[in-house]
Amino acid sequence: MVAALGDSLTAGYGLPRADGFVPQMQAWLTEQGVEVEVRNAGVSGDTTAGGLSRVDWTLTDDVDAMIVALGGNDLLRGLDPAVSRRNLDGILQAAKAKDVPVLLVGVAASMNYGADYKAAFDGMYAELSAQYETLLYPDFFRGLAELPDREVARREHLQGDGIHPDASGVEILVEAMGPSVLELVRQAQ
């Protein structure tokens, strides 16, 4: 069992259940011949603090691995990266205590809060991943960011809010992240 601890991106905000991140990742893994259940532990609006408060009940005895995809709402609220880092550190400590391998999924900060904020925010994922020897996927949105035309990607693969992916956007994100999740599953076996 892989638990996906996250926010609205993990929860599948604004989408029919089958089109969300977790069901699409489940389907992708099944297509790869991997028999594993992916559990949706995403809560829309959640921050790293919310994830930390939920990590103990997420890490039930049947969880063999965990995807941690948090930080987007911290970023949107302009929270101090040191606070976000402390919360992610607590989540990774909890996973380590249960000997559960983790794929830490980052979110790339914009320049809205300045270069120092961006450096601290973006850097915390790689630093924590190295500290806890987790797998790292640097940016949840990498699959969309790598498309040749960002405006087309935004228009064709995001919901009207310009933040959350639509079903086709989730499919692109899952295709990009899938190999990292596959590696996580292999680590857990």
N, C-alpha and C. Protein backbone atom coordinates (compact mmCIF):
# COMPACT_ATOMS: atom_id res chain seq x y z
N MET A 1 0.84 -1.18 0.00
CA MET A 1 0.00 0.00 0.00
C MET A 1 0.89 1.25 0.00
N VAL A 2 0.59 2.17 -0.89
CA VAL A 2 1.28 3.45 -0.96
C VAL A 2 0.28 4.52 -0.53
N ALA A 3 0.61 5.25 0.51
CA ALA A 3 -0.23 6.37 0.94
C ALA A 3 0.27 7.64 0.27
N ALA A 4 -0.66 8.42 -0.29
CA ALA A 4 -0.31 9.70 -0.92
C ALA A 4 -0.78 10.82 -0.01
N LEU A 5 0.14 11.33 0.80
CA LEU A 5 -0.14 12.40 1.76
C LEU A 5 0.05 13.73 1.06
N GLY A 6 -1.03 14.48 0.90
CA GLY A 6 -0.90 15.72 0.16
C GLY A 6 -2.06 16.66 0.37
N ASP A 7 -2.20 17.59 -0.57
CA ASP A 7 -3.23 18.63 -0.51
C ASP A 7 -4.23 18.42 -1.65
N SER A 8 -4.79 19.50 -2.16
CA SER A 8 -5.81 19.39 -3.22
C SER A 8 -5.28 18.74 -4.48
N LEU A 9 -3.99 18.88 -4.77
CA LEU A 9 -3.41 18.26 -5.96
C LEU A 9 -3.48 16.75 -5.85
N THR A 10 -3.26 16.24 -4.66
CA THR A 10 -3.36 14.80 -4.41
C THR A 10 -4.81 14.38 -4.30
N ALA A 11 -5.62 15.20 -3.64
CA ALA A 11 -7.03 14.86 -3.39
C ALA A 11 -7.86 14.81 -4.66
N GLY A 12 -7.43 15.54 -5.70
CA GLY A 12 -8.19 15.57 -6.95
C GLY A 12 -9.23 16.67 -6.99
N TYR A 13 -8.90 17.80 -6.42
CA TYR A 13 -9.81 18.95 -6.33
C TYR A 13 -10.44 19.27 -7.69
N GLY A 14 -11.77 19.43 -7.68
CA GLY A 14 -12.50 19.88 -8.86
C GLY A 14 -12.70 18.84 -9.94
N LEU A 15 -12.31 17.60 -9.67
CA LEU A 15 -12.39 16.55 -10.69
C LEU A 15 -13.31 15.42 -10.23
N PRO A 16 -13.94 14.73 -11.19
CA PRO A 16 -14.62 13.49 -10.82
C PRO A 16 -13.59 12.55 -10.19
N ARG A 17 -14.01 11.76 -9.24
CA ARG A 17 -13.09 10.93 -8.48
C ARG A 17 -12.11 10.17 -9.37
N ALA A 18 -12.58 9.55 -10.44
CA ALA A 18 -11.74 8.72 -11.30
C ALA A 18 -10.66 9.51 -12.03
N ASP A 19 -10.82 10.82 -12.14
CA ASP A 19 -9.87 11.65 -12.87
C ASP A 19 -8.77 12.25 -12.00
N GLY A 20 -8.86 12.04 -10.69
CA GLY A 20 -7.89 12.62 -9.76
C GLY A 20 -6.52 11.96 -9.85
N PHE A 21 -5.58 12.55 -9.14
CA PHE A 21 -4.19 12.09 -9.15
C PHE A 21 -4.06 10.63 -8.69
N VAL A 22 -4.66 10.31 -7.56
CA VAL A 22 -4.49 8.96 -7.00
C VAL A 22 -5.09 7.89 -7.91
N PRO A 23 -6.35 8.03 -8.37
CA PRO A 23 -6.87 7.01 -9.28
C PRO A 23 -6.07 6.90 -10.59
N GLN A 24 -5.62 8.03 -11.12
CA GLN A 24 -4.83 7.97 -12.35
C GLN A 24 -3.46 7.34 -12.10
N MET A 25 -2.85 7.62 -10.95
CA MET A 25 -1.56 6.99 -10.63
C MET A 25 -1.77 5.49 -10.42
N GLN A 26 -2.86 5.13 -9.76
CA GLN A 26 -3.19 3.71 -9.56
C GLN A 26 -3.30 3.02 -10.92
N ALA A 27 -4.02 3.63 -11.85
CA ALA A 27 -4.20 3.05 -13.19
C ALA A 27 -2.86 2.95 -13.93
N TRP A 28 -2.02 3.99 -13.79
CA TRP A 28 -0.72 3.98 -14.45
C TRP A 28 0.14 2.82 -13.93
N LEU A 29 0.16 2.65 -12.62
CA LEU A 29 0.95 1.57 -12.03
C LEU A 29 0.42 0.20 -12.48
N THR A 30 -0.90 0.05 -12.54
CA THR A 30 -1.50 -1.19 -13.00
C THR A 30 -1.08 -1.48 -14.45
N GLU A 31 -1.07 -0.43 -15.28
CA GLU A 31 -0.62 -0.59 -16.68
C GLU A 31 0.83 -1.04 -16.75
N GLN A 32 1.63 -0.69 -15.75
CA GLN A 32 3.04 -1.10 -15.70
C GLN A 32 3.18 -2.52 -15.15
N GLY A 33 2.06 -3.15 -14.79
CA GLY A 33 2.10 -4.51 -14.25
C GLY A 33 2.39 -4.56 -12.76
N VAL A 34 2.21 -3.44 -12.08
CA VAL A 34 2.49 -3.37 -10.64
C VAL A 34 1.17 -3.46 -9.88
N GLU A 35 1.10 -4.45 -9.00
CA GLU A 35 -0.10 -4.60 -8.18
C GLU A 35 0.15 -3.98 -6.82
N VAL A 36 -0.35 -2.75 -6.68
CA VAL A 36 -0.22 -2.04 -5.42
C VAL A 36 -1.41 -1.11 -5.29
N GLU A 37 -1.88 -0.94 -4.08
CA GLU A 37 -2.97 0.00 -3.85
C GLU A 37 -2.39 1.36 -3.48
N VAL A 38 -2.93 2.42 -4.09
CA VAL A 38 -2.53 3.78 -3.73
C VAL A 38 -3.70 4.39 -2.97
N ARG A 39 -3.44 4.82 -1.75
CA ARG A 39 -4.48 5.39 -0.89
C ARG A 39 -4.40 6.91 -0.93
N ASN A 40 -5.55 7.53 -1.14
CA ASN A 40 -5.62 8.99 -1.20
C ASN A 40 -5.67 9.56 0.22
N ALA A 41 -4.58 10.18 0.62
CA ALA A 41 -4.51 10.87 1.91
C ALA A 41 -4.30 12.37 1.65
N GLY A 42 -4.97 12.86 0.60
CA GLY A 42 -4.90 14.27 0.26
C GLY A 42 -6.09 15.01 0.83
N VAL A 43 -5.85 16.21 1.35
CA VAL A 43 -6.90 17.06 1.89
C VAL A 43 -6.75 18.45 1.26
N SER A 44 -7.79 18.86 0.55
CA SER A 44 -7.74 20.17 -0.11
C SER A 44 -7.50 21.27 0.91
N GLY A 45 -6.61 22.19 0.56
CA GLY A 45 -6.29 23.31 1.43
C GLY A 45 -5.23 23.02 2.47
N ASP A 46 -4.78 21.78 2.53
CA ASP A 46 -3.85 21.41 3.58
C ASP A 46 -2.47 22.03 3.38
N THR A 47 -1.86 22.39 4.49
CA THR A 47 -0.48 22.89 4.52
C THR A 47 0.42 21.77 5.04
N THR A 48 1.70 22.04 5.11
CA THR A 48 2.61 21.07 5.71
C THR A 48 2.25 20.81 7.16
N ALA A 49 1.73 21.82 7.86
CA ALA A 49 1.30 21.64 9.25
C ALA A 49 0.14 20.66 9.33
N GLY A 50 -0.80 20.76 8.41
CA GLY A 50 -1.91 19.82 8.38
C GLY A 50 -1.43 18.41 8.10
N GLY A 51 -0.49 18.29 7.17
CA GLY A 51 0.09 16.98 6.87
C GLY A 51 0.78 16.37 8.07
N LEU A 52 1.51 17.21 8.80
CA LEU A 52 2.19 16.74 10.00
C LEU A 52 1.17 16.26 11.04
N SER A 53 0.06 16.97 11.15
CA SER A 53 -0.97 16.57 12.14
C SER A 53 -1.67 15.27 11.73
N ARG A 54 -1.62 14.93 10.45
CA ARG A 54 -2.30 13.72 9.96
C ARG A 54 -1.37 12.55 9.70
N VAL A 55 -0.07 12.75 9.80
CA VAL A 55 0.86 11.71 9.36
C VAL A 55 0.72 10.43 10.18
N ASP A 56 0.47 10.54 11.47
CA ASP A 56 0.40 9.32 12.29
C ASP A 56 -0.78 8.44 11.89
N TRP A 57 -1.93 9.04 11.62
CA TRP A 57 -3.05 8.18 11.20
C TRP A 57 -2.96 7.81 9.73
N THR A 58 -2.10 8.46 8.98
CA THR A 58 -1.86 8.05 7.59
C THR A 58 -0.95 6.83 7.55
N LEU A 59 0.01 6.79 8.44
CA LEU A 59 0.99 5.69 8.47
C LEU A 59 0.45 4.49 9.25
N THR A 60 -0.64 3.93 8.77
CA THR A 60 -1.20 2.73 9.40
C THR A 60 -0.30 1.54 9.08
N ASP A 61 -0.53 0.43 9.75
CA ASP A 61 0.34 -0.73 9.61
C ASP A 61 0.39 -1.30 8.21
N ASP A 62 -0.64 -1.04 7.39
CA ASP A 62 -0.66 -1.59 6.03
C ASP A 62 0.06 -0.71 5.01
N VAL A 63 0.58 0.45 5.43
CA VAL A 63 1.28 1.35 4.52
C VAL A 63 2.74 0.91 4.38
N ASP A 64 3.11 0.60 3.14
CA ASP A 64 4.48 0.14 2.84
C ASP A 64 5.37 1.26 2.32
N ALA A 65 4.76 2.33 1.80
CA ALA A 65 5.50 3.45 1.23
C ALA A 65 4.60 4.68 1.25
N MET A 66 5.21 5.87 1.15
CA MET A 66 4.42 7.09 1.20
C MET A 66 4.95 8.12 0.22
N ILE A 67 4.02 8.73 -0.50
CA ILE A 67 4.30 9.91 -1.32
C ILE A 67 3.94 11.11 -0.44
N VAL A 68 4.86 12.04 -0.29
CA VAL A 68 4.59 13.27 0.47
C VAL A 68 4.63 14.43 -0.51
N ALA A 69 3.45 14.99 -0.78
CA ALA A 69 3.32 16.08 -1.76
C ALA A 69 2.62 17.26 -1.09
N LEU A 70 3.39 17.99 -0.31
CA LEU A 70 2.85 19.13 0.45
C LEU A 70 3.75 20.35 0.28
N GLY A 71 3.16 21.51 0.47
CA GLY A 71 3.92 22.76 0.42
C GLY A 71 3.27 23.81 -0.46
N GLY A 72 2.40 23.39 -1.37
CA GLY A 72 1.76 24.35 -2.26
C GLY A 72 0.95 25.40 -1.54
N ASN A 73 0.21 24.99 -0.51
CA ASN A 73 -0.60 25.95 0.23
C ASN A 73 0.25 26.81 1.16
N ASP A 74 1.36 26.27 1.64
CA ASP A 74 2.31 27.08 2.40
C ASP A 74 2.81 28.21 1.52
N LEU A 75 3.14 27.85 0.28
CA LEU A 75 3.65 28.82 -0.69
C LEU A 75 2.59 29.88 -1.00
N LEU A 76 1.37 29.44 -1.28
CA LEU A 76 0.30 30.39 -1.61
C LEU A 76 0.04 31.37 -0.47
N ARG A 77 0.28 30.93 0.76
CA ARG A 77 0.06 31.78 1.94
C ARG A 77 1.30 32.56 2.34
N GLY A 78 2.40 32.31 1.65
CA GLY A 78 3.64 33.02 1.98
C GLY A 78 4.22 32.64 3.32
N LEU A 79 3.97 31.41 3.77
CA LEU A 79 4.48 30.98 5.07
C LEU A 79 6.01 30.90 5.03
N ASP A 80 6.61 31.15 6.15
CA ASP A 80 8.07 31.08 6.29
C ASP A 80 8.55 29.69 5.89
N PRO A 81 9.47 29.59 4.93
CA PRO A 81 9.98 28.28 4.53
C PRO A 81 10.57 27.48 5.69
N ALA A 82 11.08 28.16 6.72
CA ALA A 82 11.62 27.45 7.88
C ALA A 82 10.53 26.67 8.60
N VAL A 83 9.32 27.22 8.63
CA VAL A 83 8.18 26.55 9.27
C VAL A 83 7.77 25.34 8.42
N SER A 84 7.68 25.54 7.11
CA SER A 84 7.33 24.43 6.20
C SER A 84 8.36 23.31 6.32
N ARG A 85 9.61 23.69 6.36
CA ARG A 85 10.69 22.71 6.46
C ARG A 85 10.58 21.91 7.76
N ARG A 86 10.30 22.59 8.87
CA ARG A 86 10.14 21.91 10.16
C ARG A 86 9.00 20.89 10.09
N ASN A 87 7.90 21.28 9.45
CA ASN A 87 6.75 20.37 9.34
C ASN A 87 7.09 19.16 8.47
N LEU A 88 7.72 19.40 7.33
CA LEU A 88 8.12 18.28 6.46
C LEU A 88 9.12 17.38 7.18
N ASP A 89 10.02 17.98 7.94
CA ASP A 89 10.99 17.22 8.73
C ASP A 89 10.25 16.27 9.68
N GLY A 90 9.21 16.77 10.33
CA GLY A 90 8.43 15.93 11.24
C GLY A 90 7.74 14.78 10.52
N ILE A 91 7.23 15.05 9.33
CA ILE A 91 6.59 14.00 8.53
C ILE A 91 7.61 12.93 8.15
N LEU A 92 8.79 13.36 7.72
CA LEU A 92 9.83 12.41 7.32
C LEU A 92 10.37 11.64 8.52
N GLN A 93 10.43 12.28 9.69
CA GLN A 93 10.82 11.57 10.92
C GLN A 93 9.83 10.45 11.22
N ALA A 94 8.53 10.76 11.08
CA ALA A 94 7.49 9.76 11.36
C ALA A 94 7.60 8.57 10.41
N ALA A 95 7.86 8.85 9.13
CA ALA A 95 8.01 7.77 8.15
C ALA A 95 9.25 6.93 8.45
N LYS A 96 10.34 7.60 8.82
CA LYS A 96 11.57 6.88 9.14
C LYS A 96 11.38 5.99 10.36
N ALA A 97 10.66 6.50 11.36
CA ALA A 97 10.41 5.72 12.57
C ALA A 97 9.64 4.44 12.27
N LYS A 98 8.82 4.46 11.24
CA LYS A 98 8.05 3.28 10.84
C LYS A 98 8.73 2.51 9.71
N ASP A 99 9.93 2.95 9.32
CA ASP A 99 10.69 2.30 8.25
C ASP A 99 9.90 2.26 6.94
N VAL A 100 9.24 3.39 6.64
CA VAL A 100 8.43 3.52 5.42
C VAL A 100 9.19 4.41 4.44
N PRO A 101 9.56 3.87 3.26
CA PRO A 101 10.24 4.70 2.28
C PRO A 101 9.32 5.79 1.75
N VAL A 102 9.92 6.92 1.37
CA VAL A 102 9.17 8.10 0.96
C VAL A 102 9.66 8.62 -0.39
N LEU A 103 8.69 9.07 -1.18
CA LEU A 103 8.97 9.91 -2.34
C LEU A 103 8.53 11.31 -1.95
N LEU A 104 9.47 12.20 -1.77
CA LEU A 104 9.17 13.59 -1.41
C LEU A 104 8.99 14.38 -2.71
N VAL A 105 7.81 14.99 -2.83
CA VAL A 105 7.45 15.73 -4.04
C VAL A 105 7.45 17.22 -3.72
N GLY A 106 8.29 17.97 -4.40
CA GLY A 106 8.40 19.40 -4.16
C GLY A 106 7.41 20.22 -4.97
N VAL A 107 7.42 21.50 -4.68
CA VAL A 107 6.66 22.50 -5.42
C VAL A 107 7.63 23.64 -5.66
N ALA A 108 7.73 24.10 -6.89
CA ALA A 108 8.65 25.19 -7.21
C ALA A 108 8.00 26.53 -6.88
N ALA A 109 8.69 27.32 -6.08
CA ALA A 109 8.18 28.65 -5.72
C ALA A 109 8.36 29.62 -6.88
N SER A 110 7.44 30.55 -6.97
CA SER A 110 7.60 31.64 -7.94
C SER A 110 8.49 32.71 -7.29
N MET A 111 8.71 33.79 -8.00
CA MET A 111 9.53 34.88 -7.45
C MET A 111 8.68 35.91 -6.68
N ASN A 112 7.41 35.60 -6.44
CA ASN A 112 6.51 36.55 -5.76
C ASN A 112 7.06 37.07 -4.44
N TYR A 113 7.76 36.21 -3.70
CA TYR A 113 8.26 36.61 -2.39
C TYR A 113 9.76 36.90 -2.40
N GLY A 114 10.34 36.96 -3.60
CA GLY A 114 11.75 37.30 -3.72
C GLY A 114 12.65 36.08 -3.88
N ALA A 115 13.88 36.36 -4.25
CA ALA A 115 14.86 35.30 -4.55
C ALA A 115 15.25 34.51 -3.31
N ASP A 116 15.39 35.16 -2.17
CA ASP A 116 15.78 34.45 -0.95
C ASP A 116 14.70 33.46 -0.52
N TYR A 117 13.45 33.90 -0.59
CA TYR A 117 12.32 33.02 -0.25
C TYR A 117 12.32 31.81 -1.19
N LYS A 118 12.44 32.09 -2.49
CA LYS A 118 12.42 31.01 -3.49
C LYS A 118 13.55 30.01 -3.23
N ALA A 119 14.74 30.51 -2.96
CA ALA A 119 15.87 29.63 -2.71
C ALA A 119 15.64 28.76 -1.47
N ALA A 120 15.13 29.37 -0.41
CA ALA A 120 14.87 28.62 0.83
C ALA A 120 13.76 27.60 0.63
N PHE A 121 12.70 28.02 -0.04
CA PHE A 121 11.55 27.14 -0.24
C PHE A 121 11.92 25.97 -1.16
N ASP A 122 12.47 26.29 -2.32
CA ASP A 122 12.82 25.24 -3.28
C ASP A 122 13.90 24.31 -2.71
N GLY A 123 14.84 24.88 -1.98
CA GLY A 123 15.96 24.09 -1.46
C GLY A 123 15.60 23.11 -0.37
N MET A 124 14.52 23.38 0.36
CA MET A 124 14.20 22.52 1.50
C MET A 124 13.89 21.09 1.06
N TYR A 125 13.31 20.92 -0.11
CA TYR A 125 12.95 19.57 -0.55
C TYR A 125 14.19 18.71 -0.80
N ALA A 126 15.16 19.24 -1.55
CA ALA A 126 16.38 18.48 -1.83
C ALA A 126 17.17 18.23 -0.56
N GLU A 127 17.24 19.24 0.31
CA GLU A 127 18.00 19.09 1.55
C GLU A 127 17.38 18.03 2.47
N LEU A 128 16.06 18.07 2.61
CA LEU A 128 15.39 17.08 3.46
C LEU A 128 15.46 15.69 2.84
N SER A 129 15.35 15.62 1.52
CA SER A 129 15.45 14.33 0.84
C SER A 129 16.82 13.71 1.08
N ALA A 130 17.85 14.52 0.98
CA ALA A 130 19.21 14.03 1.22
C ALA A 130 19.37 13.60 2.68
N GLN A 131 18.86 14.42 3.60
CA GLN A 131 18.98 14.13 5.03
C GLN A 131 18.31 12.81 5.40
N TYR A 132 17.13 12.56 4.84
CA TYR A 132 16.37 11.36 5.18
C TYR A 132 16.51 10.23 4.15
N GLU A 133 17.35 10.46 3.14
CA GLU A 133 17.61 9.46 2.11
C GLU A 133 16.31 8.98 1.45
N THR A 134 15.46 9.95 1.09
CA THR A 134 14.22 9.63 0.39
C THR A 134 14.44 9.78 -1.12
N LEU A 135 13.51 9.29 -1.88
CA LEU A 135 13.46 9.64 -3.29
C LEU A 135 12.95 11.07 -3.39
N LEU A 136 13.32 11.77 -4.44
CA LEU A 136 12.90 13.16 -4.60
C LEU A 136 12.36 13.36 -6.01
N TYR A 137 11.19 13.98 -6.06
CA TYR A 137 10.63 14.45 -7.32
C TYR A 137 10.50 15.96 -7.13
N PRO A 138 11.35 16.76 -7.77
CA PRO A 138 11.53 18.16 -7.39
C PRO A 138 10.31 19.07 -7.56
N ASP A 139 9.42 18.75 -8.51
CA ASP A 139 8.30 19.66 -8.75
C ASP A 139 7.08 18.89 -9.22
N PHE A 140 6.02 18.93 -8.43
CA PHE A 140 4.77 18.24 -8.76
C PHE A 140 4.33 18.57 -10.18
N PHE A 141 4.55 19.83 -10.61
CA PHE A 141 4.08 20.30 -11.92
C PHE A 141 5.09 20.08 -13.05
N ARG A 142 6.14 19.33 -12.82
CA ARG A 142 7.20 19.18 -13.81
C ARG A 142 6.68 18.74 -15.18
N GLY A 143 5.77 17.78 -15.21
CA GLY A 143 5.25 17.30 -16.48
C GLY A 143 4.63 18.40 -17.32
N LEU A 144 3.90 19.30 -16.68
CA LEU A 144 3.30 20.42 -17.40
C LEU A 144 4.34 21.50 -17.72
N ALA A 145 5.26 21.72 -16.79
CA ALA A 145 6.28 22.75 -16.99
C ALA A 145 7.21 22.41 -18.15
N GLU A 146 7.33 21.12 -18.46
CA GLU A 146 8.22 20.71 -19.53
C GLU A 146 7.57 20.74 -20.91
N LEU A 147 6.26 21.04 -20.95
CA LEU A 147 5.61 21.17 -22.25
C LEU A 147 6.18 22.39 -22.96
N PRO A 148 6.27 22.36 -24.30
CA PRO A 148 6.95 23.44 -25.03
C PRO A 148 6.30 24.82 -24.88
N ASP A 149 5.00 24.89 -24.73
CA ASP A 149 4.32 26.19 -24.64
C ASP A 149 3.54 26.27 -23.33
N ARG A 150 4.05 27.06 -22.40
CA ARG A 150 3.44 27.14 -21.07
C ARG A 150 2.03 27.73 -21.11
N GLU A 151 1.78 28.66 -22.01
CA GLU A 151 0.44 29.25 -22.11
C GLU A 151 -0.57 28.22 -22.61
N VAL A 152 -0.15 27.43 -23.58
CA VAL A 152 -1.03 26.36 -24.08
C VAL A 152 -1.25 25.34 -22.97
N ALA A 153 -0.19 25.00 -22.26
CA ALA A 153 -0.31 24.04 -21.16
C ALA A 153 -1.30 24.55 -20.12
N ARG A 154 -1.19 25.82 -19.77
CA ARG A 154 -2.09 26.42 -18.77
C ARG A 154 -3.54 26.39 -19.27
N ARG A 155 -3.73 26.76 -20.51
CA ARG A 155 -5.08 26.86 -21.08
C ARG A 155 -5.72 25.49 -21.27
N GLU A 156 -4.93 24.51 -21.70
CA GLU A 156 -5.49 23.21 -22.06
C GLU A 156 -5.45 22.17 -20.96
N HIS A 157 -4.65 22.39 -19.90
CA HIS A 157 -4.47 21.33 -18.91
C HIS A 157 -4.71 21.75 -17.47
N LEU A 158 -5.16 23.01 -17.27
CA LEU A 158 -5.49 23.45 -15.92
C LEU A 158 -6.98 23.79 -15.86
N GLN A 159 -7.53 23.67 -14.65
CA GLN A 159 -8.91 24.09 -14.44
C GLN A 159 -8.96 25.62 -14.51
N GLY A 160 -10.15 26.16 -14.46
CA GLY A 160 -10.36 27.60 -14.59
C GLY A 160 -9.63 28.45 -13.57
N ASP A 161 -9.27 27.87 -12.41
CA ASP A 161 -8.56 28.63 -11.39
C ASP A 161 -7.09 28.86 -11.73
N GLY A 162 -6.60 28.19 -12.78
CA GLY A 162 -5.21 28.36 -13.19
C GLY A 162 -4.20 27.70 -12.26
N ILE A 163 -4.68 26.92 -11.30
CA ILE A 163 -3.79 26.26 -10.32
C ILE A 163 -3.89 24.75 -10.41
N HIS A 164 -5.12 24.25 -10.40
CA HIS A 164 -5.33 22.81 -10.34
C HIS A 164 -5.42 22.20 -11.74
N PRO A 165 -4.76 21.06 -11.95
CA PRO A 165 -4.83 20.42 -13.25
C PRO A 165 -6.22 19.84 -13.52
N ASP A 166 -6.60 19.85 -14.80
CA ASP A 166 -7.81 19.14 -15.19
C ASP A 166 -7.41 17.68 -15.43
N ALA A 167 -8.35 16.85 -15.90
CA ALA A 167 -8.07 15.42 -16.06
C ALA A 167 -6.89 15.18 -17.00
N SER A 168 -6.81 15.94 -18.10
CA SER A 168 -5.69 15.76 -19.04
C SER A 168 -4.38 16.21 -18.41
N GLY A 169 -4.44 17.26 -17.58
CA GLY A 169 -3.25 17.73 -16.88
C GLY A 169 -2.75 16.70 -15.88
N VAL A 170 -3.69 16.09 -15.15
CA VAL A 170 -3.31 15.04 -14.20
C VAL A 170 -2.64 13.89 -14.94
N GLU A 171 -3.17 13.54 -16.09
CA GLU A 171 -2.59 12.45 -16.88
C GLU A 171 -1.13 12.75 -17.23
N ILE A 172 -0.86 13.97 -17.63
CA ILE A 172 0.51 14.39 -17.96
C ILE A 172 1.40 14.34 -16.73
N LEU A 173 0.89 14.82 -15.60
CA LEU A 173 1.66 14.82 -14.36
C LEU A 173 1.97 13.39 -13.91
N VAL A 174 0.98 12.51 -14.03
CA VAL A 174 1.17 11.11 -13.64
C VAL A 174 2.20 10.43 -14.54
N GLU A 175 2.13 10.67 -15.84
CA GLU A 175 3.12 10.09 -16.76
C GLU A 175 4.53 10.52 -16.38
N ALA A 176 4.68 11.78 -16.01
CA ALA A 176 6.01 12.30 -15.65
C ALA A 176 6.49 11.74 -14.31
N MET A 177 5.60 11.69 -13.32
CA MET A 177 5.98 11.27 -11.98
C MET A 177 5.98 9.75 -11.82
N GLY A 178 5.25 9.06 -12.67
CA GLY A 178 5.08 7.61 -12.53
C GLY A 178 6.35 6.83 -12.30
N PRO A 179 7.42 7.03 -13.10
CA PRO A 179 8.64 6.27 -12.88
C PRO A 179 9.22 6.44 -11.47
N SER A 180 9.07 7.63 -10.88
CA SER A 180 9.55 7.84 -9.51
C SER A 180 8.70 7.06 -8.51
N VAL A 181 7.39 7.01 -8.76
CA VAL A 181 6.51 6.23 -7.88
C VAL A 181 6.82 4.73 -8.04
N LEU A 182 7.12 4.32 -9.25
CA LEU A 182 7.50 2.93 -9.50
C LEU A 182 8.76 2.58 -8.71
N GLU A 183 9.73 3.48 -8.70
CA GLU A 183 10.95 3.26 -7.91
C GLU A 183 10.63 3.18 -6.42
N LEU A 184 9.71 3.99 -5.96
CA LEU A 184 9.27 3.95 -4.55
C LEU A 184 8.68 2.58 -4.22
N VAL A 185 7.82 2.09 -5.10
CA VAL A 185 7.20 0.77 -4.89
C VAL A 185 8.27 -0.30 -4.84
N ARG A 186 9.26 -0.22 -5.71
CA ARG A 186 10.36 -1.20 -5.71
C ARG A 186 11.14 -1.14 -4.40
N GLN A 187 11.35 0.07 -3.89
CA GLN A 187 12.06 0.20 -2.60
C GLN A 187 11.28 -0.46 -1.47
N ALA A 188 9.95 -0.37 -1.55
CA ALA A 188 9.11 -0.90 -0.47
C ALA A 188 9.01 -2.42 -0.51
N GLN A 189 9.31 -3.01 -1.66
CA GLN A 189 9.14 -4.47 -1.78
C GLN A 189 10.27 -5.25 -1.16
